[in-house]
């Protein structure tokens, strides 16, 4: 049976030096992200509150209980944006 090739071991100090040589990646959010995220949360919250306060008549009268889906959709967009915030 043929002998397998011997791998060269990487020394620990070589790994540390390689990690130090890399440039740091900027971890900053775009300036529009936080206001958009907060706005989506608030629009969703107000949408649902208006839906309950007006006894399911508004914000869009024709769609009935689907107004809840629209409100939670805005809140979902807010959560999706929150995952990108740094």
PDB file of N, CA and C in Angstrom:
ATOM      1  N   UNK A   1       0.843  -1.172   0.000  1.00  0.00           N
ATOM      2  CA  UNK A   1       0.000   0.000   0.000  1.00  0.00           C
ATOM      3  C   UNK A   1       0.893   1.242   0.000  1.00  0.00           C
ATOM      4  N   UNK A   2       0.600   2.245  -0.865  1.00  0.00           N
ATOM      5  CA  UNK A   2       1.448   3.436  -0.920  1.00  0.00           C
ATOM      6  C   UNK A   2       1.268   4.309   0.320  1.00  0.00           C
ATOM      7  N   UNK A   3       2.329   4.953   0.691  1.00  0.00           N
ATOM      8  CA  UNK A   3       2.309   5.830   1.858  1.00  0.00           C
ATOM      9  C   UNK A   3       1.736   7.194   1.454  1.00  0.00           C
ATOM     10  N   UNK A   4       0.880   7.750   2.306  1.00  0.00           N
ATOM     11  CA  UNK A   4       0.293   9.060   2.002  1.00  0.00           C
ATOM     12  C   UNK A   4       1.336  10.155   2.185  1.00  0.00           C
ATOM     13  N   UNK A   5       1.118  11.252   1.494  1.00  0.00           N
ATOM     14  CA  UNK A   5       2.060  12.363   1.563  1.00  0.00           C
ATOM     15  C   UNK A   5       1.973  13.024   2.933  1.00  0.00           C
ATOM     16  N   UNK A   6       3.079  13.459   3.414  1.00  0.00           N
ATOM     17  CA  UNK A   6       3.138  14.129   4.712  1.00  0.00           C
ATOM     18  C   UNK A   6       2.869  15.617   4.483  1.00  0.00           C
ATOM     19  N   UNK A   7       1.940  16.146   5.248  1.00  0.00           N
ATOM     20  CA  UNK A   7       1.610  17.561   5.128  1.00  0.00           C
ATOM     21  C   UNK A   7       2.550  18.390   5.978  1.00  0.00           C
ATOM     22  N   UNK A   8       2.839  19.573   5.483  1.00  0.00           N
ATOM     23  CA  UNK A   8       3.662  20.485   6.270  1.00  0.00           C
ATOM     24  C   UNK A   8       2.776  21.151   7.309  1.00  0.00           C
ATOM     25  N   UNK A   9       3.244  21.175   8.528  1.00  0.00           N
ATOM     26  CA  UNK A   9       2.479  21.804   9.595  1.00  0.00           C
ATOM     27  C   UNK A   9       2.726  23.310   9.582  1.00  0.00           C
ATOM     28  N   UNK A  10       1.652  24.060   9.776  1.00  0.00           N
ATOM     29  CA  UNK A  10       1.757  25.511   9.853  1.00  0.00           C
ATOM     30  C   UNK A  10       2.052  25.863  11.299  1.00  0.00           C
ATOM     31  N   UNK A  11       3.095  26.619  11.484  1.00  0.00           N
ATOM     32  CA  UNK A  11       3.466  27.004  12.832  1.00  0.00           C
ATOM     33  C   UNK A  11       2.508  28.067  13.335  1.00  0.00           C
ATOM     34  N   UNK A  12       2.302  28.061  14.651  1.00  0.00           N
ATOM     35  CA  UNK A  12       1.313  28.953  15.259  1.00  0.00           C
ATOM     36  C   UNK A  12       1.643  30.424  15.025  1.00  0.00           C
ATOM     37  N   UNK A  13       2.897  30.793  15.087  1.00  0.00           N
ATOM     38  CA  UNK A  13       3.243  32.202  14.896  1.00  0.00           C
ATOM     39  C   UNK A  13       2.992  32.656  13.467  1.00  0.00           C
ATOM     40  N   UNK A  14       3.012  31.743  12.504  1.00  0.00           N
ATOM     41  CA  UNK A  14       2.697  32.104  11.126  1.00  0.00           C
ATOM     42  C   UNK A  14       1.221  32.442  10.975  1.00  0.00           C
ATOM     43  N   UNK A  15       0.373  31.715  11.686  1.00  0.00           N
ATOM     44  CA  UNK A  15      -1.066  31.979  11.632  1.00  0.00           C
ATOM     45  C   UNK A  15      -1.379  33.324  12.262  1.00  0.00           C
ATOM     46  N   UNK A  16      -0.752  33.621  13.386  1.00  0.00           N
ATOM     47  CA  UNK A  16      -0.986  34.887  14.077  1.00  0.00           C
ATOM     48  C   UNK A  16      -0.509  36.047  13.211  1.00  0.00           C
ATOM     49  N   UNK A  17       0.646  35.906  12.579  1.00  0.00           N
ATOM     50  CA  UNK A  17       1.147  36.971  11.715  1.00  0.00           C
ATOM     51  C   UNK A  17       0.223  37.203  10.526  1.00  0.00           C
ATOM     52  N   UNK A  18      -0.310  36.136   9.961  1.00  0.00           N
ATOM     53  CA  UNK A  18      -1.223  36.274   8.829  1.00  0.00           C
ATOM     54  C   UNK A  18      -2.496  36.996   9.240  1.00  0.00           C
ATOM     55  N   UNK A  19      -2.965  36.720  10.448  1.00  0.00           N
ATOM     56  CA  UNK A  19      -4.177  37.378  10.928  1.00  0.00           C
ATOM     57  C   UNK A  19      -3.924  38.853  11.195  1.00  0.00           C
ATOM     58  N   UNK A  20      -2.735  39.201  11.649  1.00  0.00           N
ATOM     59  CA  UNK A  20      -2.414  40.591  11.944  1.00  0.00           C
ATOM     60  C   UNK A  20      -2.188  41.414  10.687  1.00  0.00           C
ATOM     61  N   UNK A  21      -1.799  40.771   9.604  1.00  0.00           N
ATOM     62  CA  UNK A  21      -1.522  41.486   8.364  1.00  0.00           C
ATOM     63  C   UNK A  21      -2.782  41.958   7.653  1.00  0.00           C
ATOM     64  N   UNK A  22      -3.902  41.327   7.912  1.00  0.00           N
ATOM     65  CA  UNK A  22      -5.151  41.722   7.246  1.00  0.00           C
ATOM     66  C   UNK A  22      -5.617  43.075   7.740  1.00  0.00           C
ATOM     67  N   UNK A  23      -6.219  43.817   6.827  1.00  0.00           N
ATOM     68  CA  UNK A  23      -6.770  45.116   7.200  1.00  0.00           C
ATOM     69  C   UNK A  23      -8.113  44.918   7.877  1.00  0.00           C
ATOM     70  N   UNK A  24      -8.403  45.690   8.909  1.00  0.00           N
ATOM     71  CA  UNK A  24      -9.691  45.532   9.586  1.00  0.00           C
ATOM     72  C   UNK A  24     -10.847  45.967   8.683  1.00  0.00           C
ATOM     73  N   UNK A  25     -11.929  45.233   8.766  1.00  0.00           N
ATOM     74  CA  UNK A  25     -13.116  45.534   7.976  1.00  0.00           C
ATOM     75  C   UNK A  25     -13.964  46.526   8.763  1.00  0.00           C
ATOM     76  N   UNK A  26     -14.411  47.566   8.094  1.00  0.00           N
ATOM     77  CA  UNK A  26     -15.249  48.543   8.775  1.00  0.00           C
ATOM     78  C   UNK A  26     -16.617  47.955   9.043  1.00  0.00           C
ATOM     79  N   UNK A  27     -17.052  48.027  10.278  1.00  0.00           N
ATOM     80  CA  UNK A  27     -18.318  47.450  10.682  1.00  0.00           C
ATOM     81  C   UNK A  27     -19.297  48.560  11.058  1.00  0.00           C
ATOM     82  N   UNK A  28     -19.530  49.464  10.149  1.00  0.00           N
ATOM     83  CA  UNK A  28     -20.410  50.582  10.438  1.00  0.00           C
ATOM     84  C   UNK A  28     -21.645  50.509   9.555  1.00  0.00           C
ATOM     85  N   UNK A  29     -22.777  50.829  10.140  1.00  0.00           N
ATOM     86  CA  UNK A  29     -24.035  50.808   9.397  1.00  0.00           C
ATOM     87  C   UNK A  29     -24.150  52.037   8.508  1.00  0.00           C
ATOM     88  N   UNK A  30     -24.907  51.916   7.415  1.00  0.00           N
ATOM     89  CA  UNK A  30     -25.187  53.123   6.627  1.00  0.00           C
ATOM     90  C   UNK A  30     -26.038  54.098   7.441  1.00  0.00           C
ATOM     91  N   UNK A  31     -25.942  55.362   7.128  1.00  0.00           N
ATOM     92  CA  UNK A  31     -26.628  56.380   7.922  1.00  0.00           C
ATOM     93  C   UNK A  31     -28.152  56.293   7.811  1.00  0.00           C
ATOM     94  N   UNK A  32     -28.669  55.699   6.754  1.00  0.00           N
ATOM     95  CA  UNK A  32     -30.113  55.631   6.559  1.00  0.00           C
ATOM     96  C   UNK A  32     -30.741  54.461   7.318  1.00  0.00           C
ATOM     97  N   UNK A  33     -29.952  53.500   7.770  1.00  0.00           N
ATOM     98  CA  UNK A  33     -30.500  52.262   8.299  1.00  0.00           C
ATOM     99  C   UNK A  33     -31.273  52.451   9.603  1.00  0.00           C
ATOM    100  N   UNK A  34     -30.692  53.124  10.573  1.00  0.00           N
ATOM    101  CA  UNK A  34     -31.349  53.281  11.877  1.00  0.00           C
ATOM    102  C   UNK A  34     -32.663  54.072  11.776  1.00  0.00           C
ATOM    103  N   UNK A  35     -32.702  55.212  11.083  1.00  0.00           N
ATOM    104  CA  UNK A  35     -33.984  55.913  10.981  1.00  0.00           C
ATOM    105  C   UNK A  35     -35.049  55.111  10.238  1.00  0.00           C
ATOM    106  N   UNK A  36     -34.640  54.371   9.206  1.00  0.00           N
ATOM    107  CA  UNK A  36     -35.596  53.555   8.459  1.00  0.00           C
ATOM    108  C   UNK A  36     -36.132  52.421   9.321  1.00  0.00           C
ATOM    109  N   UNK A  37     -35.254  51.815  10.120  1.00  0.00           N
ATOM    110  CA  UNK A  37     -35.657  50.729  11.002  1.00  0.00           C
ATOM    111  C   UNK A  37     -36.665  51.226  12.044  1.00  0.00           C
ATOM    112  N   UNK A  38     -36.355  52.329  12.677  1.00  0.00           N
ATOM    113  CA  UNK A  38     -37.261  52.882  13.695  1.00  0.00           C
ATOM    114  C   UNK A  38     -38.581  53.304  13.059  1.00  0.00           C
ATOM    115  N   UNK A  39     -38.523  53.887  11.873  1.00  0.00           N
ATOM    116  CA  UNK A  39     -39.748  54.305  11.182  1.00  0.00           C
ATOM    117  C   UNK A  39     -40.621  53.096  10.850  1.00  0.00           C
ATOM    118  N   UNK A  40     -40.013  52.010  10.406  1.00  0.00           N
ATOM    119  CA  UNK A  40     -40.795  50.809  10.081  1.00  0.00           C
ATOM    120  C   UNK A  40     -41.467  50.244  11.338  1.00  0.00           C
ATOM    121  N   UNK A  41     -40.736  50.214  12.454  1.00  0.00           N
ATOM    122  CA  UNK A  41     -41.335  49.756  13.713  1.00  0.00           C
ATOM    123  C   UNK A  41     -42.521  50.638  14.105  1.00  0.00           C
ATOM    124  N   UNK A  42     -42.336  51.944  14.042  1.00  0.00           N
ATOM    125  CA  UNK A  42     -43.396  52.859  14.477  1.00  0.00           C
ATOM    126  C   UNK A  42     -44.594  52.834  13.540  1.00  0.00           C
ATOM    127  N   UNK A  43     -44.359  52.762  12.239  1.00  0.00           N
ATOM    128  CA  UNK A  43     -45.487  52.687  11.299  1.00  0.00           C
ATOM    129  C   UNK A  43     -46.292  51.420  11.549  1.00  0.00           C
ATOM    130  N   UNK A  44     -45.601  50.297  11.741  1.00  0.00           N
ATOM    131  CA  UNK A  44     -46.306  49.043  12.036  1.00  0.00           C
ATOM    132  C   UNK A  44     -47.101  49.124  13.322  1.00  0.00           C
ATOM    133  N   UNK A  45     -46.499  49.712  14.358  1.00  0.00           N
ATOM    134  CA  UNK A  45     -47.192  49.854  15.639  1.00  0.00           C
ATOM    135  C   UNK A  45     -48.421  50.740  15.501  1.00  0.00           C
ATOM    136  N   UNK A  46     -48.261  51.905  14.870  1.00  0.00           N
ATOM    137  CA  UNK A  46     -49.399  52.815  14.698  1.00  0.00           C
ATOM    138  C   UNK A  46     -50.475  52.200  13.813  1.00  0.00           C
ATOM    139  N   UNK A  47     -50.083  51.446  12.815  1.00  0.00           N
ATOM    140  CA  UNK A  47     -51.048  50.792  11.925  1.00  0.00           C
ATOM    141  C   UNK A  47     -51.942  49.850  12.729  1.00  0.00           C
ATOM    142  N   UNK A  48     -51.333  49.045  13.577  1.00  0.00           N
ATOM    143  CA  UNK A  48     -52.096  48.083  14.380  1.00  0.00           C
ATOM    144  C   UNK A  48     -52.943  48.800  15.426  1.00  0.00           C
ATOM    145  N   UNK A  49     -52.404  49.846  16.047  1.00  0.00           N
ATOM    146  CA  UNK A  49     -53.176  50.605  17.047  1.00  0.00           C
ATOM    147  C   UNK A  49     -54.384  51.260  16.400  1.00  0.00           C
ATOM    148  N   UNK A  50     -54.208  51.879  15.241  1.00  0.00           N
ATOM    149  CA  UNK A  50     -55.334  52.505  14.532  1.00  0.00           C
ATOM    150  C   UNK A  50     -56.372  51.450  14.155  1.00  0.00           C
ATOM    151  N   UNK A  51     -55.913  50.281  13.748  1.00  0.00           N
ATOM    152  CA  UNK A  51     -56.832  49.196  13.396  1.00  0.00           C
ATOM    153  C   UNK A  51     -57.713  48.812  14.583  1.00  0.00           C
ATOM    154  N   UNK A  52     -57.127  48.726  15.770  1.00  0.00           N
ATOM    155  CA  UNK A  52     -57.915  48.354  16.953  1.00  0.00           C
ATOM    156  C   UNK A  52     -58.773  49.502  17.467  1.00  0.00           C
ATOM    157  N   UNK A  53     -58.239  50.716  17.466  1.00  0.00           N
ATOM    158  CA  UNK A  53     -58.973  51.859  18.014  1.00  0.00           C
ATOM    159  C   UNK A  53     -60.212  52.159  17.174  1.00  0.00           C
ATOM    160  N   UNK A  54     -60.127  51.976  15.863  1.00  0.00           N
ATOM    161  CA  UNK A  54     -61.261  52.268  14.996  1.00  0.00           C
ATOM    162  C   UNK A  54     -62.166  51.044  14.808  1.00  0.00           C
ATOM    163  N   UNK A  55     -62.041  50.080  15.681  1.00  0.00           N
ATOM    164  CA  UNK A  55     -62.829  48.837  15.641  1.00  0.00           C
ATOM    165  C   UNK A  55     -62.795  48.193  14.258  1.00  0.00           C
ATOM    166  N   UNK A  56     -61.610  47.950  13.792  1.00  0.00           N
ATOM    167  CA  UNK A  56     -61.295  47.247  12.549  1.00  0.00           C
ATOM    168  C   UNK A  56     -61.821  47.937  11.277  1.00  0.00           C
ATOM    169  N   UNK A  57     -62.006  49.256  11.317  1.00  0.00           N
ATOM    170  CA  UNK A  57     -62.493  49.979  10.131  1.00  0.00           C
ATOM    171  C   UNK A  57     -61.371  50.582   9.297  1.00  0.00           C
ATOM    172  N   UNK A  58     -60.326  51.044   9.937  1.00  0.00           N
ATOM    173  CA  UNK A  58     -59.232  51.731   9.241  1.00  0.00           C
ATOM    174  C   UNK A  58     -57.935  51.039   9.561  1.00  0.00           C
ATOM    175  N   UNK A  59     -56.852  51.313   8.974  1.00  0.00           N
ATOM    176  CA  UNK A  59     -56.404  52.316   8.029  1.00  0.00           C
ATOM    177  C   UNK A  59     -56.889  52.084   6.603  1.00  0.00           C
ATOM    178  N   UNK A  60     -57.073  50.839   6.155  1.00  0.00           N
ATOM    179  CA  UNK A  60     -57.628  50.584   4.827  1.00  0.00           C
ATOM    180  C   UNK A  60     -58.955  49.863   5.042  1.00  0.00           C
ATOM    181  N   UNK A  61     -60.075  50.527   4.809  1.00  0.00           N
ATOM    182  CA  UNK A  61     -61.374  49.937   5.146  1.00  0.00           C
ATOM    183  C   UNK A  61     -61.704  48.654   4.385  1.00  0.00           C
ATOM    184  N   UNK A  62     -61.272  48.527   3.165  1.00  0.00           N
ATOM    185  CA  UNK A  62     -61.708  47.415   2.328  1.00  0.00           C
ATOM    186  C   UNK A  62     -61.063  46.073   2.620  1.00  0.00           C
ATOM    187  N   UNK A  63     -59.954  46.047   3.322  1.00  0.00           N
ATOM    188  CA  UNK A  63     -59.253  44.769   3.473  1.00  0.00           C
ATOM    189  C   UNK A  63     -59.486  44.094   4.815  1.00  0.00           C
ATOM    190  N   UNK A  64     -60.185  44.750   5.710  1.00  0.00           N
ATOM    191  CA  UNK A  64     -60.580  44.127   6.968  1.00  0.00           C
ATOM    192  C   UNK A  64     -59.393  43.723   7.833  1.00  0.00           C
ATOM    193  N   UNK A  65     -59.382  42.443   8.239  1.00  0.00           N
ATOM    194  CA  UNK A  65     -58.366  41.953   9.161  1.00  0.00           C
ATOM    195  C   UNK A  65     -56.976  41.861   8.521  1.00  0.00           C
ATOM    196  N   UNK A  66     -56.873  42.009   7.229  1.00  0.00           N
ATOM    197  CA  UNK A  66     -55.562  42.006   6.585  1.00  0.00           C
ATOM    198  C   UNK A  66     -54.741  43.225   6.984  1.00  0.00           C
ATOM    199  N   UNK A  67     -55.395  44.205   7.600  1.00  0.00           N
ATOM    200  CA  UNK A  67     -54.653  45.347   8.133  1.00  0.00           C
ATOM    201  C   UNK A  67     -53.639  44.892   9.181  1.00  0.00           C
ATOM    202  N   UNK A  68     -53.954  43.824   9.904  1.00  0.00           N
ATOM    203  CA  UNK A  68     -53.003  43.279  10.876  1.00  0.00           C
ATOM    204  C   UNK A  68     -51.757  42.764  10.161  1.00  0.00           C
ATOM    205  N   UNK A  69     -51.949  42.105   9.039  1.00  0.00           N
ATOM    206  CA  UNK A  69     -50.814  41.580   8.276  1.00  0.00           C
ATOM    207  C   UNK A  69     -49.938  42.721   7.785  1.00  0.00           C
ATOM    208  N   UNK A  70     -50.560  43.801   7.342  1.00  0.00           N
ATOM    209  CA  UNK A  70     -49.794  44.958   6.869  1.00  0.00           C
ATOM    210  C   UNK A  70     -48.983  45.552   8.024  1.00  0.00           C
ATOM    211  N   UNK A  71     -49.607  45.702   9.185  1.00  0.00           N
ATOM    212  CA  UNK A  71     -48.901  46.241  10.356  1.00  0.00           C
ATOM    213  C   UNK A  71     -47.734  45.360  10.766  1.00  0.00           C
ATOM    214  N   UNK A  72     -47.971  44.051  10.834  1.00  0.00           N
ATOM    215  CA  UNK A  72     -46.885  43.145  11.205  1.00  0.00           C
ATOM    216  C   UNK A  72     -45.836  43.054  10.097  1.00  0.00           C
ATOM    217  N   UNK A  73     -46.235  43.320   8.861  1.00  0.00           N
ATOM    218  CA  UNK A  73     -45.262  43.375   7.770  1.00  0.00           C
ATOM    219  C   UNK A  73     -44.267  44.510   7.972  1.00  0.00           C
ATOM    220  N   UNK A  74     -44.779  45.690   8.369  1.00  0.00           N
ATOM    221  CA  UNK A  74     -43.875  46.805   8.667  1.00  0.00           C
ATOM    222  C   UNK A  74     -42.952  46.459   9.827  1.00  0.00           C
ATOM    223  N   UNK A  75     -43.489  45.826  10.855  1.00  0.00           N
ATOM    224  CA  UNK A  75     -42.662  45.431  11.996  1.00  0.00           C
ATOM    225  C   UNK A  75     -41.622  44.399  11.560  1.00  0.00           C
ATOM    226  N   UNK A  76     -42.003  43.484  10.681  1.00  0.00           N
ATOM    227  CA  UNK A  76     -41.051  42.501  10.166  1.00  0.00           C
ATOM    228  C   UNK A  76     -39.922  43.152   9.386  1.00  0.00           C
ATOM    229  N   UNK A  77     -40.249  44.168   8.601  1.00  0.00           N
ATOM    230  CA  UNK A  77     -39.211  44.912   7.881  1.00  0.00           C
ATOM    231  C   UNK A  77     -38.270  45.582   8.876  1.00  0.00           C
ATOM    232  N   UNK A  78     -38.833  46.112   9.957  1.00  0.00           N
ATOM    233  CA  UNK A  78     -37.993  46.719  10.995  1.00  0.00           C
ATOM    234  C   UNK A  78     -37.037  45.714  11.608  1.00  0.00           C
ATOM    235  N   UNK A  79     -37.521  44.502  11.878  1.00  0.00           N
ATOM    236  CA  UNK A  79     -36.642  43.466  12.428  1.00  0.00           C
ATOM    237  C   UNK A  79     -35.582  43.030  11.417  1.00  0.00           C
ATOM    238  N   UNK A  80     -35.952  42.950  10.153  1.00  0.00           N
ATOM    239  CA  UNK A  80     -34.977  42.584   9.129  1.00  0.00           C
ATOM    240  C   UNK A  80     -33.862  43.633   9.043  1.00  0.00           C
ATOM    241  N   UNK A  81     -34.237  44.891   9.141  1.00  0.00           N
ATOM    242  CA  UNK A  81     -33.220  45.949   9.140  1.00  0.00           C
ATOM    243  C   UNK A  81     -32.394  45.932  10.412  1.00  0.00           C
ATOM    244  N   UNK A  82     -33.000  45.546  11.529  1.00  0.00           N
ATOM    245  CA  UNK A  82     -32.280  45.502  12.793  1.00  0.00           C
ATOM    246  C   UNK A  82     -31.163  44.458  12.771  1.00  0.00           C
ATOM    247  N   UNK A  83     -31.306  43.423  11.964  1.00  0.00           N
ATOM    248  CA  UNK A  83     -30.249  42.417  11.893  1.00  0.00           C
ATOM    249  C   UNK A  83     -29.017  42.943  11.173  1.00  0.00           C
ATOM    250  N   UNK A  84     -29.147  44.015  10.405  1.00  0.00           N
ATOM    251  CA  UNK A  84     -28.015  44.588   9.678  1.00  0.00           C
ATOM    252  C   UNK A  84     -27.376  45.761  10.418  1.00  0.00           C
ATOM    253  N   UNK A  85     -27.960  46.150  11.538  1.00  0.00           N
ATOM    254  CA  UNK A  85     -27.472  47.323  12.269  1.00  0.00           C
ATOM    255  C   UNK A  85     -26.253  46.954  13.086  1.00  0.00           C
ATOM    256  N   UNK A  86     -25.206  47.758  12.992  1.00  0.00           N
ATOM    257  CA  UNK A  86     -23.982  47.499  13.759  1.00  0.00           C
ATOM    258  C   UNK A  86     -23.618  48.717  14.542  1.00  0.00           C
TER     259      UNK A  86
END
